[in-house]
Amino acid sequence: MCGIVGYWAKESVLDFKHIDSLMIDAEKRGSNGVGIAIIDTKNKTTITYRSDKSYSQIKDDIQKMYDNQMKLNNLFFGLCRAQPETEPPSTPDDENMQPVFIKDDSREMTLIHNGAISSPCINELKQHYDFKTNIDSEAIIRSYQFYNYDIKKAIENISGGIAALMYDNLTNQLHIINTHNPLSQGYIKGYGFILHSSFEAIDKVVFNITHAKRDGMAVWEYWYHHPLSPFRIMTIDLESGFIQKIPFEPRYIHPVWKHKYTLENTKNPKTKYLVCASGGIDSGTTLAILKLLDYDIEAIHFKYGHRGEKCEEWAITNICEQLDIPLKIFDLSNIYKDIDSFSMLTNSKSEILTGSANSVKTTNAWTSGRNMVFMSLLGAYAESLILQNYYDKVFIASGMTNLSESGSYPDNSENFSSAVMSMFKIGTLCGNRIKIFQGLSNLLKSEQWYLMWKLGKLDLFKYTISCDRPYWDEIKQRAYNCDMQCGSTNLSRWAAMMAGVDDPREFHKYDDNKYIAHKPKNLKVKNLNIDSIINRILDVSESDKSKLKDMVNI
């Protein structure tokens, strides 16, 4: 893919050696031609240079052009082309080499672009415009014209990969656009603003000027550099320096998924909630709350060859039957037997250590990549629902993020949720429609017990399995939690005691003389406030919180 370079000489003109450094790094991404534009933002004029040679071969010509033409407040655009198999070879003219320069009456637009534009979009726009070049990048400017110079609509109409810089001389604005393609920015006080396909390329220039490698904190910024977020347009007004950041929804060509401007049912957006449910306290409470609020819910359960697999399936099946919620089960047992058959949860012969006197607040129950795998599959399933059913949003809820366990397990933390959200944006075609429902993340297990009691749903907990080694009764064909002989059971029972409620579950006593449970000090009933608990439920509207409070009052 092409390497692009942008520089706004906002406060002074960089010595060419720094531009040379940026172009050398751009050439690593493409050596099939070079395109340069120097834009005089004061007089609104553009000078371009194109070659079918590599940057290294014509570096002296570019330096001469830069030294003669680059002035304060000017823009420098540079592109090192990597010729894709679907396009003709580079030529020294504008037909097969960027930058793309289009004049529309008094308006002039200059563009450099790394990526590829889907042919259906180009064909749509060719019905309205005679394309000047053989380069798919021209479609970006043509879409900008078609949508009356509304940059957000223009980019949302384009399907493909985009990392682009476009200057509009009429508005004197620089549009910086990127989908999934890499693009980074940097600023150095006294010099100006830098853009590049490679963060490392900007890092070199920053170091060569400032002799520093890491961004610092200051009242006023001296310099900074970082990658730009995907699916966002950054528009800089070159008169004022004002920056507007505009998120957008990418368009993808797909046999089922339709473009947002022709999307059906957009006047009645639908929202779906997928609850990753083990059959324990956290997922049981989450399912009950969403059901009380009459949300469109589906429970998703994963089997991965764990020692409590049969018991957990019994639990979640009963919970869903009680709440009248559809249940989907993904069986990963055959996969996980080759990934993790040694951990405490997947090896039935492994000693249970969680919740014991010598093993509190550890990761002894860790199973290799479990929550990461679950979330990846949940994201894939959410995407399939959106593509087929045009959901406006699909929320993924789970007990993975909660205060009681996030202190020890990294995949129970908010950082994990944020990382997953970033993965969805790049790893699916509609990731901006997939959201994480944090729900009960701010609630301790004791508060969940209290909440369910006040809502009259505590009886549901008799079906829950919160245990690292639950017991399956073949005669009665039902599951039991163990009696204070694993961390999950200990935690849930302590939580019930602290909430001051009766635990409706039945327990099985294992003959394990080696296990000595941790005994928390000063375990007392908390003085809990139901309004405070409901107010701290996340991603639920104030009106829905009021509904829950009314249910409590009843």
Protein backbone atom coordinates (compact mmCIF):
# COMPACT_ATOMS: atom_id res chain seq x y z
CA MET A 1 0.00 0.00 0.00
CA CYS A 2 1.10 3.59 -0.62
CA GLY A 3 2.99 5.71 1.86
CA ILE A 4 1.65 9.22 2.40
CA VAL A 5 3.26 12.30 3.93
CA GLY A 6 1.60 15.53 5.00
CA TYR A 7 3.14 18.67 6.49
CA TRP A 8 1.54 21.99 7.39
CA ALA A 9 4.22 24.66 7.88
CA LYS A 10 2.13 26.38 10.51
CA GLU A 11 4.95 28.17 12.36
CA SER A 12 8.06 27.71 10.22
CA VAL A 13 9.33 25.67 7.29
CA LEU A 14 10.99 22.38 8.18
CA ASP A 15 14.47 21.80 6.81
CA PHE A 16 14.24 19.39 3.88
CA LYS A 17 16.27 16.77 5.75
CA HIS A 18 13.17 16.10 7.88
CA ILE A 19 10.92 15.87 4.82
CA ASP A 20 13.51 13.53 3.33
CA SER A 21 13.30 11.32 6.42
CA LEU A 22 9.50 11.18 6.09
CA MET A 23 9.64 10.39 2.36
CA ILE A 24 12.25 7.64 2.86
CA ASP A 25 9.89 5.93 5.29
CA ALA A 26 6.98 6.42 2.87
CA GLU A 27 9.06 4.78 0.13
CA LYS A 28 9.22 1.62 2.26
CA ARG A 29 5.50 1.27 1.57
CA GLY A 30 5.69 2.05 -2.14
CA SER A 31 8.39 2.52 -4.79
CA ASN A 32 6.30 2.54 -8.00
CA GLY A 33 6.07 6.29 -8.43
CA VAL A 34 6.09 9.58 -6.52
CA GLY A 35 3.55 12.39 -6.35
CA ILE A 36 4.08 15.76 -4.66
CA ALA A 37 1.81 18.76 -4.11
CA ILE A 38 2.79 22.07 -2.50
CA ILE A 39 -0.28 24.12 -1.67
CA ASP A 40 -0.11 27.86 -1.03
CA THR A 41 -2.96 28.26 1.48
CA LYS A 42 -2.74 32.06 1.34
CA ASN A 43 -3.08 32.44 -2.43
CA LYS A 44 -5.06 29.17 -2.78
CA THR A 45 -2.80 27.75 -5.51
CA THR A 46 -1.34 24.27 -5.96
CA ILE A 47 1.86 23.08 -7.66
CA THR A 48 2.15 19.36 -8.40
CA TYR A 49 4.94 17.00 -9.43
CA ARG A 50 4.51 13.39 -10.57
CA SER A 51 7.01 10.71 -11.56
CA ASP A 52 6.95 7.01 -12.39
CA LYS A 53 10.30 6.61 -10.62
CA SER A 54 10.94 5.86 -6.97
CA TYR A 55 11.58 8.64 -4.45
CA SER A 56 15.25 7.71 -4.08
CA GLN A 57 15.76 8.19 -7.83
CA ILE A 58 14.29 11.70 -8.03
CA LYS A 59 14.97 12.99 -4.53
CA ASP A 60 17.05 15.93 -5.83
CA ASP A 61 14.18 17.18 -8.00
CA ILE A 62 11.80 17.11 -5.06
CA GLN A 63 14.28 18.91 -2.80
CA LYS A 64 14.69 21.67 -5.41
CA MET A 65 10.91 22.03 -5.67
CA TYR A 66 10.55 22.08 -1.88
CA ASP A 67 13.31 24.66 -1.33
CA ASN A 68 11.88 26.95 -4.03
CA GLN A 69 8.17 26.66 -3.32
CA MET A 70 7.63 25.76 0.35
CA LYS A 71 6.69 28.81 2.42
CA LEU A 72 5.15 29.55 5.82
CA ASN A 73 1.55 28.21 6.10
CA ASN A 74 1.95 26.08 2.97
CA LEU A 75 0.90 22.42 2.82
CA PHE A 76 3.19 19.67 1.56
CA PHE A 77 1.61 16.44 0.28
CA GLY A 78 3.85 13.51 -0.64
CA LEU A 79 2.91 10.04 -1.87
CA CYS A 80 5.06 7.01 -2.66
CA ARG A 81 2.94 4.66 -4.72
CA ALA A 82 2.64 0.90 -4.44
CA GLN A 83 0.97 -0.10 -7.70
CA PRO A 84 -1.89 -2.54 -7.00
CA GLU A 85 -2.55 -5.42 -9.37
CA THR A 86 -5.90 -3.86 -10.33
CA GLU A 87 -4.44 -0.55 -11.61
CA PRO A 88 -2.18 0.46 -14.51
CA PRO A 89 1.49 1.34 -13.99
CA SER A 90 2.45 4.83 -12.84
CA THR A 91 3.03 7.53 -15.45
CA PRO A 92 4.51 11.03 -15.06
CA ASP A 93 1.07 12.56 -15.83
CA ASP A 94 -2.03 12.81 -13.68
CA GLU A 95 -3.91 9.92 -15.33
CA ASN A 96 -2.10 7.18 -13.41
CA MET A 97 -0.32 8.99 -10.60
CA GLN A 98 -1.43 10.99 -7.59
CA PRO A 99 -1.95 13.62 -6.29
CA VAL A 100 -5.45 13.91 -7.72
CA PHE A 101 -6.23 17.54 -8.55
CA ILE A 102 -9.81 18.48 -9.51
CA LYS A 103 -11.02 21.98 -10.35
CA ASP A 104 -14.73 22.77 -10.01
CA ASP A 105 -15.32 26.40 -11.03
CA SER A 106 -13.50 28.42 -8.37
CA ARG A 107 -13.04 25.39 -6.14
CA GLU A 108 -9.86 23.33 -6.28
CA MET A 109 -9.39 20.03 -4.44
CA THR A 110 -6.09 18.23 -3.99
CA LEU A 111 -5.94 14.65 -2.68
CA ILE A 112 -3.45 11.94 -1.81
CA HIS A 113 -4.81 8.56 -0.78
CA ASN A 114 -3.56 5.21 0.45
CA GLY A 115 -6.00 2.32 0.11
CA ALA A 116 -8.51 1.05 -2.43
CA ILE A 117 -12.02 2.14 -3.42
CA SER A 118 -14.59 -0.52 -4.36
CA SER A 119 -15.56 -0.52 -8.03
CA PRO A 120 -19.36 -0.31 -7.43
CA CYS A 121 -18.81 3.10 -5.79
CA ILE A 122 -16.70 4.29 -8.70
CA ASN A 123 -19.30 3.09 -11.21
CA GLU A 124 -22.06 4.91 -9.30
CA LEU A 125 -20.12 8.18 -9.41
CA LYS A 126 -19.14 7.75 -13.06
CA GLN A 127 -22.83 8.09 -13.89
CA HIS A 128 -22.55 11.72 -12.76
CA TYR A 129 -18.92 12.69 -13.52
CA ASP A 130 -16.34 12.16 -16.24
CA PHE A 131 -13.34 10.88 -14.31
CA LYS A 132 -10.11 12.70 -15.11
CA THR A 133 -7.81 9.87 -14.01
CA ASN A 134 -7.59 6.10 -14.02
CA ILE A 135 -7.03 6.15 -10.26
CA ASP A 136 -9.73 4.91 -7.90
CA SER A 137 -8.78 7.69 -5.43
CA GLU A 138 -10.60 10.22 -7.61
CA ALA A 139 -13.88 8.73 -6.34
CA ILE A 140 -13.27 10.41 -2.98
CA ILE A 141 -13.30 13.89 -4.52
CA ARG A 142 -16.24 13.01 -6.79
CA SER A 143 -18.26 11.80 -3.81
CA TYR A 144 -17.36 15.04 -2.03
CA GLN A 145 -18.78 16.96 -5.00
CA PHE A 146 -21.87 14.74 -5.28
CA TYR A 147 -22.79 15.26 -1.62
CA ASN A 148 -22.44 19.04 -1.95
CA TYR A 149 -19.08 19.13 -0.15
CA ASP A 150 -20.39 17.44 2.99
CA ILE A 151 -17.28 15.46 3.93
CA LYS A 152 -19.08 13.05 6.29
CA LYS A 153 -21.71 12.01 3.73
CA ALA A 154 -19.04 11.84 1.05
CA ILE A 155 -16.91 9.36 2.98
CA GLU A 156 -19.87 7.31 4.19
CA ASN A 157 -20.82 6.84 0.54
CA ILE A 158 -17.39 5.41 -0.28
CA SER A 159 -16.64 1.74 0.25
CA GLY A 160 -13.03 0.78 0.66
CA GLY A 161 -9.85 1.44 2.58
CA ILE A 162 -8.96 5.08 3.08
CA ALA A 163 -6.08 7.00 4.58
CA ALA A 164 -6.27 10.32 2.77
CA LEU A 165 -5.39 14.00 2.92
CA MET A 166 -7.60 16.37 0.95
CA TYR A 167 -7.33 20.15 0.69
CA ASP A 168 -10.31 22.30 -0.30
CA ASN A 169 -9.13 25.78 -1.33
CA LEU A 170 -12.60 27.37 -1.13
CA THR A 171 -13.02 26.57 2.56
CA ASN A 172 -9.25 26.53 3.20
CA GLN A 173 -9.68 23.27 5.09
CA LEU A 174 -7.52 20.18 5.34
CA HIS A 175 -9.55 16.96 5.61
CA ILE A 176 -7.67 14.05 7.21
CA ILE A 177 -9.55 10.80 6.67
CA ASN A 178 -8.91 7.22 7.72
CA THR A 179 -10.90 4.01 7.89
CA HIS A 180 -8.89 0.93 8.89
CA ASN A 181 -5.79 2.14 7.05
CA PRO A 182 -2.95 3.46 9.24
CA LEU A 183 -2.43 7.20 9.64
CA SER A 184 -0.58 9.08 12.38
CA GLN A 185 -0.22 12.72 13.35
CA GLY A 186 2.40 14.80 15.11
CA TYR A 187 2.92 18.41 16.12
CA ILE A 188 6.11 20.24 17.08
CA LYS A 189 5.84 23.74 18.45
CA GLY A 190 7.66 26.23 16.27
CA TYR A 191 7.49 23.93 13.23
CA GLY A 192 4.02 22.64 12.51
CA PHE A 193 1.82 19.67 11.93
CA ILE A 194 2.97 16.32 10.41
CA LEU A 195 0.99 13.38 9.02
CA HIS A 196 2.31 9.99 7.88
CA SER A 197 1.27 6.41 7.19
CA SER A 198 3.82 5.31 9.80
CA PHE A 199 3.90 6.43 13.41
CA GLU A 200 7.59 5.47 13.57
CA ALA A 201 8.37 7.90 10.74
CA ILE A 202 6.96 10.81 12.73
CA ASP A 203 8.69 9.51 15.83
CA LYS A 204 12.07 9.86 14.11
CA VAL A 205 11.43 13.49 13.13
CA VAL A 206 10.14 14.37 16.59
CA PHE A 207 13.25 12.86 18.16
CA ASN A 208 15.60 14.59 15.71
CA ILE A 209 14.08 17.97 16.59
CA THR A 210 13.17 17.61 20.28
CA HIS A 211 15.65 14.86 21.33
CA ALA A 212 12.78 13.24 23.24
CA LYS A 213 11.05 9.92 22.65
CA ARG A 214 7.92 10.11 24.77
CA ASP A 215 5.10 12.63 24.86
CA GLY A 216 5.04 14.60 28.10
CA MET A 217 2.43 16.53 30.04
CA ALA A 218 2.44 20.34 30.07
CA VAL A 219 0.08 23.26 30.44
CA TRP A 220 0.69 24.04 26.76
CA GLU A 221 1.73 21.34 24.31
CA TYR A 222 5.29 21.56 23.03
CA TRP A 223 4.98 18.47 20.86
CA TYR A 224 2.93 15.28 20.52
CA HIS A 225 2.54 12.36 18.15
CA HIS A 226 0.16 9.41 18.02
CA PRO A 227 -1.83 7.19 15.62
CA LEU A 228 -5.22 8.50 14.56
CA SER A 229 -8.37 6.64 15.55
CA PRO A 230 -10.04 4.68 12.74
CA PHE A 231 -13.31 5.73 11.11
CA ARG A 232 -12.88 9.38 11.87
CA ILE A 233 -12.47 12.53 9.79
CA MET A 234 -10.33 15.30 11.24
CA THR A 235 -10.95 18.63 9.54
CA ILE A 236 -8.53 21.48 10.23
CA ASP A 237 -9.51 25.05 9.42
CA LEU A 238 -6.20 26.51 8.26
CA GLU A 239 -7.22 30.08 9.10
CA SER A 240 -7.99 29.49 12.78
CA GLY A 241 -6.33 26.14 13.44
CA PHE A 242 -9.67 24.84 14.75
CA ILE A 243 -9.92 21.04 14.52
CA GLN A 244 -13.24 19.26 14.07
CA LYS A 245 -13.34 15.50 14.65
CA ILE A 246 -16.16 13.73 12.81
CA PRO A 247 -16.83 10.00 13.38
CA PHE A 248 -18.41 8.21 10.44
CA GLU A 249 -19.93 4.84 9.61
CA PRO A 250 -17.95 3.01 6.93
CA ARG A 251 -19.69 1.53 3.92
CA TYR A 252 -18.93 -2.04 2.91
CA ILE A 253 -20.07 -4.01 -0.12
CA HIS A 254 -21.72 -7.24 1.04
CA PRO A 255 -24.29 -9.63 -0.50
CA VAL A 256 -26.70 -9.15 2.43
CA TRP A 257 -25.80 -5.93 4.21
CA LYS A 258 -27.19 -2.81 2.53
CA HIS A 259 -25.74 0.68 2.51
CA LYS A 260 -26.95 2.93 5.34
CA TYR A 261 -28.60 5.39 2.94
CA THR A 262 -30.78 2.60 1.54
CA LEU A 263 -31.03 0.61 4.74
CA GLU A 264 -34.45 -0.76 5.55
CA ASN A 265 -36.20 -0.07 8.87
CA THR A 266 -33.99 2.93 9.70
CA LYS A 267 -37.05 4.80 11.00
CA ASN A 268 -37.63 2.06 13.57
CA PRO A 269 -34.17 1.10 14.79
CA LYS A 270 -33.93 -2.27 16.53
CA THR A 271 -31.63 -3.07 19.41
CA LYS A 272 -30.58 -6.55 20.50
CA TYR A 273 -28.88 -7.69 23.72
CA LEU A 274 -26.65 -10.77 23.75
CA VAL A 275 -25.86 -11.92 27.28
CA CYS A 276 -22.83 -14.14 27.66
CA ALA A 277 -24.24 -16.36 30.39
CA SER A 278 -22.46 -19.00 32.41
CA GLY A 279 -25.44 -19.67 34.65
CA GLY A 280 -23.96 -17.88 37.65
CA ILE A 281 -24.97 -14.91 39.81
CA ASP A 282 -23.64 -12.17 37.49
CA SER A 283 -25.19 -13.41 34.26
CA GLY A 284 -28.40 -14.47 36.05
CA THR A 285 -28.86 -10.98 37.49
CA THR A 286 -28.06 -9.36 34.14
CA LEU A 287 -30.64 -11.52 32.35
CA ALA A 288 -33.28 -10.79 34.98
CA ILE A 289 -32.76 -7.01 34.85
CA LEU A 290 -32.89 -6.87 31.05
CA LYS A 291 -36.01 -9.07 31.03
CA LEU A 292 -37.75 -6.82 33.57
CA LEU A 293 -37.03 -3.88 31.28
CA ASP A 294 -38.52 -5.80 28.32
CA TYR A 295 -35.38 -5.66 26.18
CA ASP A 296 -34.85 -7.94 23.17
CA ILE A 297 -32.52 -10.53 24.76
CA GLU A 298 -30.76 -13.73 23.81
CA ALA A 299 -28.58 -15.70 26.22
CA ILE A 300 -25.34 -17.15 24.83
CA HIS A 301 -23.65 -20.02 26.68
CA PHE A 302 -20.24 -21.52 25.93
CA LYS A 303 -19.16 -25.09 26.61
CA TYR A 304 -15.39 -25.46 26.61
CA GLY A 305 -14.73 -28.80 28.27
CA HIS A 306 -14.66 -27.38 31.81
CA ARG A 307 -15.29 -29.61 34.80
CA GLY A 308 -18.61 -27.92 35.59
CA GLU A 309 -19.86 -27.99 32.01
CA LYS A 310 -22.92 -30.21 32.55
CA CYS A 311 -23.94 -28.35 35.70
CA GLU A 312 -23.61 -24.91 34.13
CA GLU A 313 -25.68 -25.98 31.12
CA TRP A 314 -28.37 -27.19 33.52
CA ALA A 315 -28.23 -23.84 35.33
CA ILE A 316 -28.48 -21.55 32.32
CA THR A 317 -31.17 -23.72 30.71
CA ASN A 318 -33.34 -23.44 33.83
CA ILE A 319 -32.70 -19.70 34.22
CA CYS A 320 -33.70 -19.03 30.62
CA GLU A 321 -36.82 -21.19 30.97
CA GLN A 322 -37.84 -19.29 34.11
CA LEU A 323 -37.34 -15.92 32.40
CA ASP A 324 -38.66 -17.05 29.00
CA ILE A 325 -35.45 -16.01 27.22
CA PRO A 326 -34.05 -17.79 24.13
CA LEU A 327 -30.76 -19.60 24.67
CA LYS A 328 -27.99 -20.38 22.17
CA ILE A 329 -25.16 -22.74 23.12
CA PHE A 330 -21.76 -22.74 21.39
CA ASP A 331 -19.76 -25.92 21.97
CA LEU A 332 -16.00 -25.26 21.93
CA SER A 333 -15.04 -28.48 23.71
CA ASN A 334 -13.19 -29.99 20.75
CA ILE A 335 -11.24 -26.77 20.28
CA TYR A 336 -10.33 -26.27 23.90
CA LYS A 337 -9.13 -29.81 24.46
CA ASP A 338 -6.19 -28.85 22.21
CA ILE A 339 -5.75 -25.38 23.74
CA ASP A 340 -6.16 -25.84 27.49
CA SER A 341 -6.66 -29.19 29.22
CA PHE A 342 -4.39 -28.41 32.14
CA SER A 343 -5.99 -25.50 34.00
CA MET A 344 -7.93 -25.85 37.21
CA LEU A 345 -11.26 -25.44 35.37
CA THR A 346 -10.54 -27.86 32.50
CA ASN A 347 -8.62 -30.61 34.34
CA SER A 348 -10.88 -32.57 36.69
CA LYS A 349 -7.83 -33.97 38.49
CA SER A 350 -6.42 -30.53 39.25
CA GLU A 351 -6.48 -29.39 42.87
CA ILE A 352 -9.03 -26.68 43.63
CA LEU A 353 -7.14 -23.68 45.01
CA THR A 354 -9.45 -20.70 44.52
CA GLY A 355 -10.90 -19.20 47.67
CA SER A 356 -8.62 -21.25 49.89
CA ALA A 357 -6.70 -19.73 52.78
CA ASN A 358 -3.51 -19.54 50.68
CA SER A 359 -5.04 -18.57 47.35
CA VAL A 360 -7.27 -15.51 47.52
CA LYS A 361 -7.14 -12.82 44.81
CA THR A 362 -5.09 -14.92 42.39
CA THR A 363 -5.57 -16.12 38.81
CA ASN A 364 -5.70 -19.80 39.70
CA ALA A 365 -8.94 -20.26 37.75
CA TRP A 366 -7.43 -18.84 34.55
CA THR A 367 -8.20 -20.71 31.34
CA SER A 368 -6.11 -19.76 28.31
CA GLY A 369 -7.71 -16.88 26.40
CA ARG A 370 -11.21 -17.94 27.46
CA ASN A 371 -12.96 -14.56 27.65
CA MET A 372 -11.03 -13.31 24.63
CA VAL A 373 -12.30 -16.27 22.57
CA PHE A 374 -15.83 -15.84 23.91
CA MET A 375 -15.89 -12.15 23.03
CA SER A 376 -14.55 -12.81 19.52
CA LEU A 377 -17.37 -15.28 18.86
CA LEU A 378 -19.94 -12.97 20.42
CA GLY A 379 -18.73 -10.20 18.11
CA ALA A 380 -19.01 -12.50 15.09
CA TYR A 381 -22.52 -13.54 16.10
CA ALA A 382 -23.52 -9.92 16.72
CA GLU A 383 -22.22 -8.99 13.27
CA SER A 384 -24.22 -11.79 11.64
CA LEU A 385 -27.40 -10.53 13.34
CA ILE A 386 -26.76 -6.97 12.15
CA LEU A 387 -25.99 -8.03 8.58
CA GLN A 388 -29.08 -10.23 8.31
CA ASN A 389 -31.61 -8.31 10.41
CA TYR A 390 -30.46 -4.68 10.13
CA TYR A 391 -30.13 -4.14 13.87
CA ASP A 392 -29.18 -0.57 14.65
CA LYS A 393 -27.21 -1.77 17.67
CA VAL A 394 -26.32 -5.08 19.26
CA PHE A 395 -25.12 -4.91 22.85
CA ILE A 396 -22.96 -7.63 24.33
CA ALA A 397 -23.48 -8.08 28.06
CA SER A 398 -21.70 -10.41 30.42
CA GLY A 399 -20.51 -10.87 33.95
CA MET A 400 -16.93 -10.58 32.70
CA THR A 401 -16.67 -6.99 33.91
CA ASN A 402 -17.49 -6.71 37.60
CA LEU A 403 -15.95 -5.10 40.64
CA SER A 404 -15.57 -8.31 42.62
CA GLU A 405 -13.24 -10.02 40.13
CA SER A 406 -11.67 -7.25 38.02
CA GLY A 407 -9.02 -6.72 40.68
CA SER A 408 -7.37 -10.05 39.84
CA TYR A 409 -8.39 -11.00 36.31
CA PRO A 410 -7.32 -8.72 33.43
CA ASP A 411 -10.12 -10.03 31.20
CA ASN A 412 -12.68 -8.89 33.78
CA SER A 413 -11.53 -5.28 33.52
CA GLU A 414 -12.72 -2.15 31.73
CA ASN A 415 -9.48 -2.14 29.74
CA PHE A 416 -10.43 -5.55 28.36
CA SER A 417 -13.82 -4.21 27.27
CA SER A 418 -12.17 -1.22 25.58
CA ALA A 419 -9.74 -3.50 23.74
CA VAL A 420 -12.62 -5.69 22.57
CA MET A 421 -14.49 -2.64 21.28
CA SER A 422 -11.43 -1.60 19.26
CA MET A 423 -11.17 -5.12 17.85
CA PHE A 424 -14.84 -5.08 16.79
CA LYS A 425 -14.39 -1.80 14.91
CA ILE A 426 -11.62 -3.26 12.76
CA GLY A 427 -12.55 -6.95 12.82
CA THR A 428 -16.16 -6.63 11.59
CA LEU A 429 -17.97 -4.72 8.86
CA CYS A 430 -20.32 -3.03 11.31
CA GLY A 431 -18.27 -2.83 14.50
CA ASN A 432 -19.51 0.63 15.38
CA ARG A 433 -22.96 -0.93 15.85
CA ILE A 434 -21.63 -3.51 18.31
CA LYS A 435 -21.47 -2.16 21.84
CA ILE A 436 -20.48 -3.48 25.25
CA PHE A 437 -23.31 -3.32 27.80
CA GLN A 438 -21.49 -2.66 31.07
CA GLY A 439 -24.71 -3.08 33.07
CA LEU A 440 -23.72 -4.37 36.50
CA SER A 441 -20.00 -3.62 36.23
CA ASN A 442 -20.18 -1.07 39.04
CA LEU A 443 -21.97 -3.45 41.41
CA LEU A 444 -20.47 -5.86 43.89
CA LYS A 445 -21.93 -9.35 44.16
CA SER A 446 -23.50 -8.46 47.49
CA GLU A 447 -25.35 -5.60 45.78
CA GLN A 448 -26.58 -7.95 43.08
CA TRP A 449 -28.03 -10.24 45.76
CA TYR A 450 -29.74 -7.29 47.41
CA LEU A 451 -31.05 -6.00 44.08
CA MET A 452 -32.59 -9.35 43.14
CA TRP A 453 -34.16 -9.67 46.60
CA LYS A 454 -35.75 -6.20 46.41
CA LEU A 455 -37.06 -6.93 42.90
CA GLY A 456 -38.63 -10.20 44.07
CA LYS A 457 -36.40 -12.32 41.83
CA LEU A 458 -34.15 -13.98 44.41
CA ASP A 459 -35.80 -17.37 43.84
CA LEU A 460 -34.10 -17.41 40.41
CA PHE A 461 -30.76 -17.85 42.16
CA LYS A 462 -31.63 -21.38 43.28
CA TYR A 463 -30.87 -22.44 39.71
CA THR A 464 -27.52 -20.65 39.49
CA ILE A 465 -24.19 -22.43 39.53
CA SER A 466 -21.32 -20.32 40.85
CA CYS A 467 -18.77 -23.01 41.49
CA ASP A 468 -15.40 -24.23 40.22
CA ARG A 469 -16.34 -27.86 40.94
CA PRO A 470 -20.12 -28.23 41.01
CA TYR A 471 -21.70 -31.64 41.63
CA TRP A 472 -23.99 -33.43 39.19
CA ASP A 473 -26.58 -35.79 40.70
CA GLU A 474 -27.27 -38.51 38.15
CA ILE A 475 -30.33 -39.78 40.03
CA LYS A 476 -32.05 -36.41 40.40
CA GLN A 477 -30.60 -35.10 37.12
CA ARG A 478 -29.72 -31.79 38.65
CA ALA A 479 -26.70 -29.73 39.67
CA TYR A 480 -25.44 -28.46 43.03
CA ASN A 481 -22.87 -25.89 44.05
CA CYS A 482 -20.16 -27.22 46.37
CA ASP A 483 -20.25 -26.27 50.04
CA MET A 484 -17.61 -23.54 50.58
CA GLN A 485 -14.89 -25.55 48.83
CA CYS A 486 -14.04 -23.31 45.91
CA GLY A 487 -13.49 -19.60 45.31
CA SER A 488 -16.65 -18.96 43.30
CA THR A 489 -18.88 -20.58 45.90
CA ASN A 490 -17.13 -18.77 48.73
CA LEU A 491 -17.49 -15.42 47.01
CA SER A 492 -21.18 -15.86 46.23
CA ARG A 493 -22.03 -17.10 49.73
CA TRP A 494 -20.12 -14.29 51.42
CA ALA A 495 -21.95 -11.85 49.13
CA ALA A 496 -25.35 -13.24 50.20
CA MET A 497 -24.36 -12.91 53.87
CA MET A 498 -23.23 -9.31 53.36
CA ALA A 499 -26.50 -8.52 51.57
CA GLY A 500 -28.45 -9.96 54.51
CA VAL A 501 -30.52 -12.32 52.36
CA ASP A 502 -31.22 -16.03 52.52
CA ASP A 503 -29.35 -18.07 49.94
CA PRO A 504 -31.95 -20.28 48.16
CA ARG A 505 -29.38 -22.67 46.65
CA GLU A 506 -28.67 -26.24 47.74
CA PHE A 507 -25.07 -27.36 48.30
CA HIS A 508 -23.07 -30.55 48.02
CA LYS A 509 -20.40 -31.33 50.60
CA TYR A 510 -17.18 -32.72 49.09
CA ASP A 511 -14.92 -34.96 51.14
CA ASP A 512 -11.83 -32.79 50.68
CA ASN A 513 -9.85 -32.50 53.89
CA LYS A 514 -7.03 -30.67 52.13
CA TYR A 515 -9.20 -27.66 51.26
CA ILE A 516 -9.16 -24.95 53.93
CA ALA A 517 -11.39 -22.05 52.98
CA HIS A 518 -10.32 -18.44 53.45
CA LYS A 519 -12.26 -16.80 56.28
CA PRO A 520 -12.86 -13.09 55.71
CA LYS A 521 -12.49 -10.87 58.77
CA ASN A 522 -15.40 -8.85 60.16
CA LEU A 523 -17.95 -10.25 57.72
CA LYS A 524 -21.05 -8.16 58.47
CA VAL A 525 -24.34 -7.32 56.85
CA LYS A 526 -24.01 -4.14 54.82
CA ASN A 527 -26.34 -1.20 55.04
CA LEU A 528 -27.35 -1.20 51.37
CA ASN A 529 -29.52 1.34 49.57
CA ILE A 530 -31.57 0.06 46.63
CA ASP A 531 -31.85 3.47 44.92
CA SER A 532 -28.09 3.85 45.02
CA ILE A 533 -27.62 0.37 43.53
CA ILE A 534 -30.07 0.98 40.68
CA ASN A 535 -28.54 4.40 39.97
CA ARG A 536 -25.16 2.74 39.42
CA ILE A 537 -26.41 0.34 36.75
CA LEU A 538 -24.61 1.38 33.57
CA ASP A 539 -25.92 1.82 30.00
CA VAL A 540 -29.54 1.99 31.17
CA SER A 541 -31.63 5.13 30.68
CA GLU A 542 -32.92 7.16 33.62
CA SER A 543 -36.49 6.24 32.69
CA ASP A 544 -35.61 2.52 32.81
CA LYS A 545 -33.96 3.02 36.20
CA SER A 546 -37.19 4.64 37.37
CA LYS A 547 -39.09 1.57 36.16
CA LEU A 548 -36.86 -0.67 38.26
CA LYS A 549 -37.38 1.56 41.30
CA ASP A 550 -41.15 1.38 40.79
CA MET A 551 -40.91 -2.41 40.71
CA VAL A 552 -39.09 -2.30 44.04
CA ASN A 553 -41.79 -0.11 45.56
CA ILE A 554 -44.47 -2.56 44.45
